[in-house]
PDB file of N, CA and C in Angstrom:
ATOM      1  N   MET A   1     -40.823  79.426  20.287  1.00  0.00           N
ATOM      2  CA  MET A   1     -40.549  79.301  18.845  1.00  0.00           C
ATOM      3  C   MET A   1     -38.910  79.907  19.429  1.00  0.00           C
ATOM      4  N   ALA A   2     -38.295  78.971  19.197  1.00  0.00           N
ATOM      5  CA  ALA A   2     -36.528  79.160  19.848  1.00  0.00           C
ATOM      6  C   ALA A   2     -36.093  79.457  18.362  1.00  0.00           C
ATOM      7  N   ILE A   3     -35.757  80.920  18.071  1.00  0.00           N
ATOM      8  CA  ILE A   3     -34.441  81.033  16.766  1.00  0.00           C
ATOM      9  C   ILE A   3     -33.067  80.406  16.917  1.00  0.00           C
ATOM     10  N   VAL A   4     -32.483  79.767  16.427  1.00  0.00           N
ATOM     11  CA  VAL A   4     -30.956  79.574  16.705  1.00  0.00           C
ATOM     12  C   VAL A   4     -30.257  79.945  15.842  1.00  0.00           C
ATOM     13  N   LYS A   5     -28.731  80.596  15.914  1.00  0.00           N
ATOM     14  CA  LYS A   5     -28.005  80.782  14.453  1.00  0.00           C
ATOM     15  C   LYS A   5     -26.892  79.546  14.691  1.00  0.00           C
ATOM     16  N   LYS A   6     -26.733  78.635  14.001  1.00  0.00           N
ATOM     17  CA  LYS A   6     -26.020  77.515  13.603  1.00  0.00           C
ATOM     18  C   LYS A   6     -24.690  77.707  12.041  1.00  0.00           C
ATOM     19  N   VAL A   7     -23.685  77.369  12.253  1.00  0.00           N
ATOM     20  CA  VAL A   7     -23.042  77.221  11.021  1.00  0.00           C
ATOM     21  C   VAL A   7     -22.668  75.763  10.268  1.00  0.00           C
ATOM     22  N   PHE A   8     -22.850  75.025   9.773  1.00  0.00           N
ATOM     23  CA  PHE A   8     -22.553  73.635   8.978  1.00  0.00           C
ATOM     24  C   PHE A   8     -21.576  73.405   7.947  1.00  0.00           C
ATOM     25  N   GLU A   9     -20.385  72.615   7.452  1.00  0.00           N
ATOM     26  CA  GLU A   9     -20.185  72.612   6.917  1.00  0.00           C
ATOM     27  C   GLU A   9     -20.785  72.025   5.917  1.00  0.00           C
ATOM     28  N   MET A  10     -20.267  72.455   4.386  1.00  0.00           N
ATOM     29  CA  MET A  10     -21.134  71.753   3.203  1.00  0.00           C
ATOM     30  C   MET A  10     -20.101  70.986   2.087  1.00  0.00           C
ATOM     31  N   GLU A  11     -20.301  69.663   1.495  1.00  0.00           N
ATOM     32  CA  GLU A  11     -19.178  68.750   0.777  1.00  0.00           C
ATOM     33  C   GLU A  11     -19.444  68.993  -0.384  1.00  0.00           C
ATOM     34  N   ASP A  12     -18.634  69.004  -1.197  1.00  0.00           N
ATOM     35  CA  ASP A  12     -18.526  68.921  -2.896  1.00  0.00           C
ATOM     36  C   ASP A  12     -19.573  70.179  -2.683  1.00  0.00           C
ATOM     37  N   LEU A  13     -19.224  71.263  -3.132  1.00  0.00           N
ATOM     38  CA  LEU A  13     -20.120  72.276  -2.991  1.00  0.00           C
ATOM     39  C   LEU A  13     -19.087  72.782  -4.353  1.00  0.00           C
ATOM     40  N   ASP A  14     -19.337  72.815  -5.955  1.00  0.00           N
ATOM     41  CA  ASP A  14     -19.160  73.174  -6.947  1.00  0.00           C
ATOM     42  C   ASP A  14     -18.811  74.346  -7.064  1.00  0.00           C
ATOM     43  N   CYS A  15     -19.645  75.928  -6.954  1.00  0.00           N
ATOM     44  CA  CYS A  15     -19.411  77.021  -7.894  1.00  0.00           C
ATOM     45  C   CYS A  15     -20.177  77.846  -6.736  1.00  0.00           C
ATOM     46  N   ALA A  16     -19.772  79.101  -7.415  1.00  0.00           N
ATOM     47  CA  ALA A  16     -20.781  79.976  -6.550  1.00  0.00           C
ATOM     48  C   ALA A  16     -21.712  80.152  -6.457  1.00  0.00           C
ATOM     49  N   ASN A  17     -22.326  80.236  -8.215  1.00  0.00           N
ATOM     50  CA  ASN A  17     -23.493  80.465  -9.293  1.00  0.00           C
ATOM     51  C   ASN A  17     -24.331  78.771  -8.304  1.00  0.00           C
ATOM     52  N   CYS A  18     -23.619  77.787  -7.923  1.00  0.00           N
ATOM     53  CA  CYS A  18     -24.603  76.810  -7.008  1.00  0.00           C
ATOM     54  C   CYS A  18     -25.608  77.174  -5.914  1.00  0.00           C
ATOM     55  N   ALA A  19     -24.517  77.735  -5.271  1.00  0.00           N
ATOM     56  CA  ALA A  19     -24.235  78.589  -3.765  1.00  0.00           C
ATOM     57  C   ALA A  19     -25.453  79.173  -3.844  1.00  0.00           C
ATOM     58  N   ARG A  20     -25.459  80.090  -4.345  1.00  0.00           N
ATOM     59  CA  ARG A  20     -26.537  81.037  -4.813  1.00  0.00           C
ATOM     60  C   ARG A  20     -28.239  80.458  -4.919  1.00  0.00           C
ATOM     61  N   LYS A  21     -27.720  79.291  -5.560  1.00  0.00           N
ATOM     62  CA  LYS A  21     -29.428  78.914  -5.750  1.00  0.00           C
ATOM     63  C   LYS A  21     -29.871  77.635  -4.646  1.00  0.00           C
ATOM     64  N   MET A  22     -28.506  77.313  -4.138  1.00  0.00           N
ATOM     65  CA  MET A  22     -28.927  77.137  -3.364  1.00  0.00           C
ATOM     66  C   MET A  22     -29.660  77.944  -1.356  1.00  0.00           C
ATOM     67  N   GLU A  23     -29.351  79.013  -1.466  1.00  0.00           N
ATOM     68  CA  GLU A  23     -29.570  80.249  -0.622  1.00  0.00           C
ATOM     69  C   GLU A  23     -30.772  79.683  -0.822  1.00  0.00           C
ATOM     70  N   GLU A  24     -31.300  80.627  -1.279  1.00  0.00           N
ATOM     71  CA  GLU A  24     -32.298  80.831  -2.431  1.00  0.00           C
ATOM     72  C   GLU A  24     -33.279  80.146  -2.016  1.00  0.00           C
ATOM     73  N   ALA A  25     -33.133  78.485  -1.819  1.00  0.00           N
ATOM     74  CA  ALA A  25     -33.870  77.575  -1.792  1.00  0.00           C
ATOM     75  C   ALA A  25     -34.265  77.537  -0.768  1.00  0.00           C
ATOM     76  N   VAL A  26     -33.390  77.478  -0.085  1.00  0.00           N
ATOM     77  CA  VAL A  26     -33.233  76.974   1.452  1.00  0.00           C
ATOM     78  C   VAL A  26     -34.128  78.089   2.196  1.00  0.00           C
ATOM     79  N   SER A  27     -34.001  79.177   1.410  1.00  0.00           N
ATOM     80  CA  SER A  27     -34.479  80.424   2.861  1.00  0.00           C
ATOM     81  C   SER A  27     -35.954  80.179   2.385  1.00  0.00           C
ATOM     82  N   LYS A  28     -36.918  79.881   1.133  1.00  0.00           N
ATOM     83  CA  LYS A  28     -37.673  79.827   0.943  1.00  0.00           C
ATOM     84  C   LYS A  28     -38.713  78.399   1.885  1.00  0.00           C
ATOM     85  N   ILE A  29     -37.477  77.487   2.669  1.00  0.00           N
ATOM     86  CA  ILE A  29     -38.293  76.525   3.806  1.00  0.00           C
ATOM     87  C   ILE A  29     -38.962  77.180   5.319  1.00  0.00           C
ATOM     88  N   GLU A  30     -39.846  77.052   5.248  1.00  0.00           N
ATOM     89  CA  GLU A  30     -40.816  77.089   6.102  1.00  0.00           C
ATOM     90  C   GLU A  30     -39.932  76.806   7.750  1.00  0.00           C
ATOM     91  N   GLY A  31     -39.748  77.663   8.325  1.00  0.00           N
ATOM     92  CA  GLY A  31     -38.871  77.874   9.614  1.00  0.00           C
ATOM     93  C   GLY A  31     -37.493  78.616   9.791  1.00  0.00           C
ATOM     94  N   VAL A  32     -36.788  78.378   7.996  1.00  0.00           N
ATOM     95  CA  VAL A  32     -35.787  78.938   8.036  1.00  0.00           C
ATOM     96  C   VAL A  32     -36.236  80.900   7.989  1.00  0.00           C
ATOM     97  N   GLN A  33     -35.741  81.081   8.968  1.00  0.00           N
ATOM     98  CA  GLN A  33     -34.735  82.882   8.839  1.00  0.00           C
ATOM     99  C   GLN A  33     -34.432  83.362   7.844  1.00  0.00           C
ATOM    100  N   SER A  34     -32.831  83.045   8.134  1.00  0.00           N
ATOM    101  CA  SER A  34     -31.932  83.011   7.250  1.00  0.00           C
ATOM    102  C   SER A  34     -31.285  82.172   7.224  1.00  0.00           C
ATOM    103  N   CYS A  35     -30.356  82.269   5.325  1.00  0.00           N
ATOM    104  CA  CYS A  35     -29.437  81.084   4.857  1.00  0.00           C
ATOM    105  C   CYS A  35     -28.212  82.138   4.211  1.00  0.00           C
ATOM    106  N   MET A  36     -27.099  81.531   4.443  1.00  0.00           N
ATOM    107  CA  MET A  36     -25.879  81.862   3.872  1.00  0.00           C
ATOM    108  C   MET A  36     -24.989  81.493   3.469  1.00  0.00           C
ATOM    109  N   ILE A  37     -25.104  80.478   2.280  1.00  0.00           N
ATOM    110  CA  ILE A  37     -23.766  80.113   2.035  1.00  0.00           C
ATOM    111  C   ILE A  37     -22.581  80.511   1.291  1.00  0.00           C
ATOM    112  N   THR A  38     -21.306  79.975   1.764  1.00  0.00           N
ATOM    113  CA  THR A  38     -20.475  80.680   0.870  1.00  0.00           C
ATOM    114  C   THR A  38     -19.354  79.779   0.111  1.00  0.00           C
ATOM    115  N   PHE A  39     -19.161  79.855  -0.823  1.00  0.00           N
ATOM    116  CA  PHE A  39     -18.758  78.698  -1.743  1.00  0.00           C
ATOM    117  C   PHE A  39     -17.072  78.848  -0.918  1.00  0.00           C
ATOM    118  N   MET A  40     -16.820  79.671  -1.026  1.00  0.00           N
ATOM    119  CA  MET A  40     -15.218  80.115  -0.777  1.00  0.00           C
ATOM    120  C   MET A  40     -14.513  78.740   0.672  1.00  0.00           C
ATOM    121  N   THR A  41     -15.239  78.974   1.650  1.00  0.00           N
ATOM    122  CA  THR A  41     -15.862  78.211   2.695  1.00  0.00           C
ATOM    123  C   THR A  41     -15.873  76.973   2.974  1.00  0.00           C
ATOM    124  N   GLN A  42     -16.924  76.757   2.210  1.00  0.00           N
ATOM    125  CA  GLN A  42     -18.225  75.538   2.024  1.00  0.00           C
ATOM    126  C   GLN A  42     -18.460  75.688   3.044  1.00  0.00           C
ATOM    127  N   LYS A  43     -19.551  76.761   3.484  1.00  0.00           N
ATOM    128  CA  LYS A  43     -20.344  76.695   4.922  1.00  0.00           C
ATOM    129  C   LYS A  43     -21.379  77.010   4.505  1.00  0.00           C
ATOM    130  N   MET A  44     -22.784  76.687   5.557  1.00  0.00           N
ATOM    131  CA  MET A  44     -23.847  77.114   5.559  1.00  0.00           C
ATOM    132  C   MET A  44     -23.845  77.651   7.184  1.00  0.00           C
ATOM    133  N   THR A  45     -24.698  79.010   7.059  1.00  0.00           N
ATOM    134  CA  THR A  45     -24.918  80.163   8.165  1.00  0.00           C
ATOM    135  C   THR A  45     -26.369  80.098   7.868  1.00  0.00           C
ATOM    136  N   LEU A  46     -26.866  79.425   9.418  1.00  0.00           N
ATOM    137  CA  LEU A  46     -27.966  79.179   8.772  1.00  0.00           C
ATOM    138  C   LEU A  46     -29.502  79.822  10.355  1.00  0.00           C
ATOM    139  N   GLU A  47     -30.349  80.523  10.504  1.00  0.00           N
ATOM    140  CA  GLU A  47     -31.188  80.780  11.519  1.00  0.00           C
ATOM    141  C   GLU A  47     -31.929  80.214  11.011  1.00  0.00           C
ATOM    142  N   TYR A  48     -32.680  79.126  12.223  1.00  0.00           N
ATOM    143  CA  TYR A  48     -33.729  78.397  12.089  1.00  0.00           C
ATOM    144  C   TYR A  48     -34.675  78.564  13.426  1.00  0.00           C
ATOM    145  N   ASP A  49     -36.074  77.590  12.933  1.00  0.00           N
ATOM    146  CA  ASP A  49     -36.611  77.254  14.497  1.00  0.00           C
ATOM    147  C   ASP A  49     -36.303  75.890  14.971  1.00  0.00           C
ATOM    148  N   GLU A  50     -35.696  76.141  15.798  1.00  0.00           N
ATOM    149  CA  GLU A  50     -34.853  74.955  16.845  1.00  0.00           C
ATOM    150  C   GLU A  50     -35.915  74.146  17.044  1.00  0.00           C
ATOM    151  N   ASP A  51     -37.657  74.394  16.961  1.00  0.00           N
ATOM    152  CA  ASP A  51     -38.336  73.828  17.168  1.00  0.00           C
ATOM    153  C   ASP A  51     -39.244  72.487  16.148  1.00  0.00           C
ATOM    154  N   SER A  52     -38.504  72.553  14.260  1.00  0.00           N
ATOM    155  CA  SER A  52     -38.732  72.299  13.965  1.00  0.00           C
ATOM    156  C   SER A  52     -37.150  71.671  13.033  1.00  0.00           C
ATOM    157  N   GLU A  53     -36.343  71.119  13.671  1.00  0.00           N
ATOM    158  CA  GLU A  53     -34.653  72.050  13.448  1.00  0.00           C
ATOM    159  C   GLU A  53     -34.953  70.127  12.740  1.00  0.00           C
ATOM    160  N   LYS A  54     -35.857  68.576  12.849  1.00  0.00           N
ATOM    161  CA  LYS A  54     -35.677  67.712  11.988  1.00  0.00           C
ATOM    162  C   LYS A  54     -36.593  67.756  10.087  1.00  0.00           C
ATOM    163  N   LYS A  55     -37.259  68.445  11.014  1.00  0.00           N
ATOM    164  CA  LYS A  55     -37.909  68.725   9.073  1.00  0.00           C
ATOM    165  C   LYS A  55     -37.275  69.892   8.892  1.00  0.00           C
ATOM    166  N   ILE A  56     -36.560  71.018   9.328  1.00  0.00           N
ATOM    167  CA  ILE A  56     -35.937  71.895   8.172  1.00  0.00           C
ATOM    168  C   ILE A  56     -34.821  71.151   7.703  1.00  0.00           C
ATOM    169  N   PHE A  57     -33.735  70.588   8.415  1.00  0.00           N
ATOM    170  CA  PHE A  57     -33.036  69.916   7.766  1.00  0.00           C
ATOM    171  C   PHE A  57     -33.191  69.167   6.769  1.00  0.00           C
ATOM    172  N   LYS A  58     -34.149  68.030   6.802  1.00  0.00           N
ATOM    173  CA  LYS A  58     -34.962  67.137   5.988  1.00  0.00           C
ATOM    174  C   LYS A  58     -34.933  67.692   4.609  1.00  0.00           C
ATOM    175  N   GLU A  59     -35.181  68.986   4.723  1.00  0.00           N
ATOM    176  CA  GLU A  59     -36.123  69.958   3.803  1.00  0.00           C
ATOM    177  C   GLU A  59     -34.387  70.426   2.915  1.00  0.00           C
ATOM    178  N   ILE A  60     -34.030  70.746   3.907  1.00  0.00           N
ATOM    179  CA  ILE A  60     -32.701  71.601   3.261  1.00  0.00           C
ATOM    180  C   ILE A  60     -31.720  70.561   2.061  1.00  0.00           C
ATOM    181  N   GLN A  61     -32.002  69.375   2.781  1.00  0.00           N
ATOM    182  CA  GLN A  61     -30.730  68.786   1.890  1.00  0.00           C
ATOM    183  C   GLN A  61     -31.873  68.146   0.758  1.00  0.00           C
ATOM    184  N   LYS A  62     -32.862  68.395   0.631  1.00  0.00           N
ATOM    185  CA  LYS A  62     -33.738  67.525  -0.369  1.00  0.00           C
ATOM    186  C   LYS A  62     -33.081  69.081  -1.323  1.00  0.00           C
ATOM    187  N   ALA A  63     -33.123  69.979  -0.869  1.00  0.00           N
ATOM    188  CA  ALA A  63     -33.122  71.928  -1.915  1.00  0.00           C
ATOM    189  C   ALA A  63     -31.739  71.551  -2.158  1.00  0.00           C
ATOM    190  N   VAL A  64     -31.042  71.277  -0.937  1.00  0.00           N
ATOM    191  CA  VAL A  64     -29.372  71.569  -2.182  1.00  0.00           C
ATOM    192  C   VAL A  64     -29.100  70.298  -2.709  1.00  0.00           C
ATOM    193  N   LYS A  65     -29.733  68.933  -2.915  1.00  0.00           N
ATOM    194  CA  LYS A  65     -29.543  67.953  -3.881  1.00  0.00           C
ATOM    195  C   LYS A  65     -30.360  68.025  -5.242  1.00  0.00           C
ATOM    196  N   LYS A  66     -31.456  68.568  -5.121  1.00  0.00           N
ATOM    197  CA  LYS A  66     -32.258  69.516  -6.097  1.00  0.00           C
ATOM    198  C   LYS A  66     -30.587  70.352  -6.964  1.00  0.00           C
ATOM    199  N   VAL A  67     -30.528  71.133  -6.435  1.00  0.00           N
ATOM    200  CA  VAL A  67     -29.457  71.635  -7.130  1.00  0.00           C
ATOM    201  C   VAL A  67     -28.024  71.038  -7.862  1.00  0.00           C
ATOM    202  N   GLU A  68     -27.736  70.859  -7.070  1.00  0.00           N
ATOM    203  CA  GLU A  68     -26.440  70.025  -7.403  1.00  0.00           C
ATOM    204  C   GLU A  68     -26.328  68.310  -6.596  1.00  0.00           C
ATOM    205  N   PRO A  69     -27.166  67.619  -7.007  1.00  0.00           N
ATOM    206  CA  PRO A  69     -26.937  65.955  -6.727  1.00  0.00           C
ATOM    207  C   PRO A  69     -25.504  65.895  -5.525  1.00  0.00           C
ATOM    208  N   ASP A  70     -24.629  66.153  -6.213  1.00  0.00           N
ATOM    209  CA  ASP A  70     -22.863  65.623  -5.697  1.00  0.00           C
ATOM    210  C   ASP A  70     -22.735  66.355  -4.040  1.00  0.00           C
ATOM    211  N   THR A  71     -23.429  67.840  -3.605  1.00  0.00           N
ATOM    212  CA  THR A  71     -23.310  68.415  -2.757  1.00  0.00           C
ATOM    213  C   THR A  71     -24.184  67.564  -1.637  1.00  0.00           C
ATOM    214  N   SER A  72     -23.477  67.861  -0.413  1.00  0.00           N
ATOM    215  CA  SER A  72     -24.640  67.818   1.116  1.00  0.00           C
ATOM    216  C   SER A  72     -24.015  68.656   1.949  1.00  0.00           C
ATOM    217  N   VAL A  73     -24.748  68.790   3.000  1.00  0.00           N
ATOM    218  CA  VAL A  73     -24.433  69.316   4.203  1.00  0.00           C
ATOM    219  C   VAL A  73     -24.314  68.504   5.428  1.00  0.00           C
ATOM    220  N   ASN A  74     -23.225  68.984   6.405  1.00  0.00           N
ATOM    221  CA  ASN A  74     -23.415  68.485   7.162  1.00  0.00           C
ATOM    222  C   ASN A  74     -23.875  68.681   8.567  1.00  0.00           C
ATOM    223  N   PHE A  75     -24.971  67.679   9.383  1.00  0.00           N
ATOM    224  CA  PHE A  75     -25.741  68.626  10.273  1.00  0.00           C
ATOM    225  C   PHE A  75     -25.165  67.988  11.319  1.00  0.00           C
ATOM    226  N   ASP A  76     -23.794  67.055  11.511  1.00  0.00           N
ATOM    227  CA  ASP A  76     -24.118  66.466  13.011  1.00  0.00           C
ATOM    228  C   ASP A  76     -22.786  67.281  13.609  1.00  0.00           C
TER     229      ASP A  76
END
């Protein structure tokens, strides 16, 4: 298992409370070691299992949309 740490841009994150809820939801996803979302910079700092990257990214998008449908994470 290779753990990597990367920072991703977020789009249309509306409030700090939503960021906190997303952080909690993403942290529960299998393969995610840690997640920190900063509302002011619109960034997500993520530590995760690189071997499950595609699955994890798909689950993160679902979790983010559940909290705030207009928000997205740019994994490119």
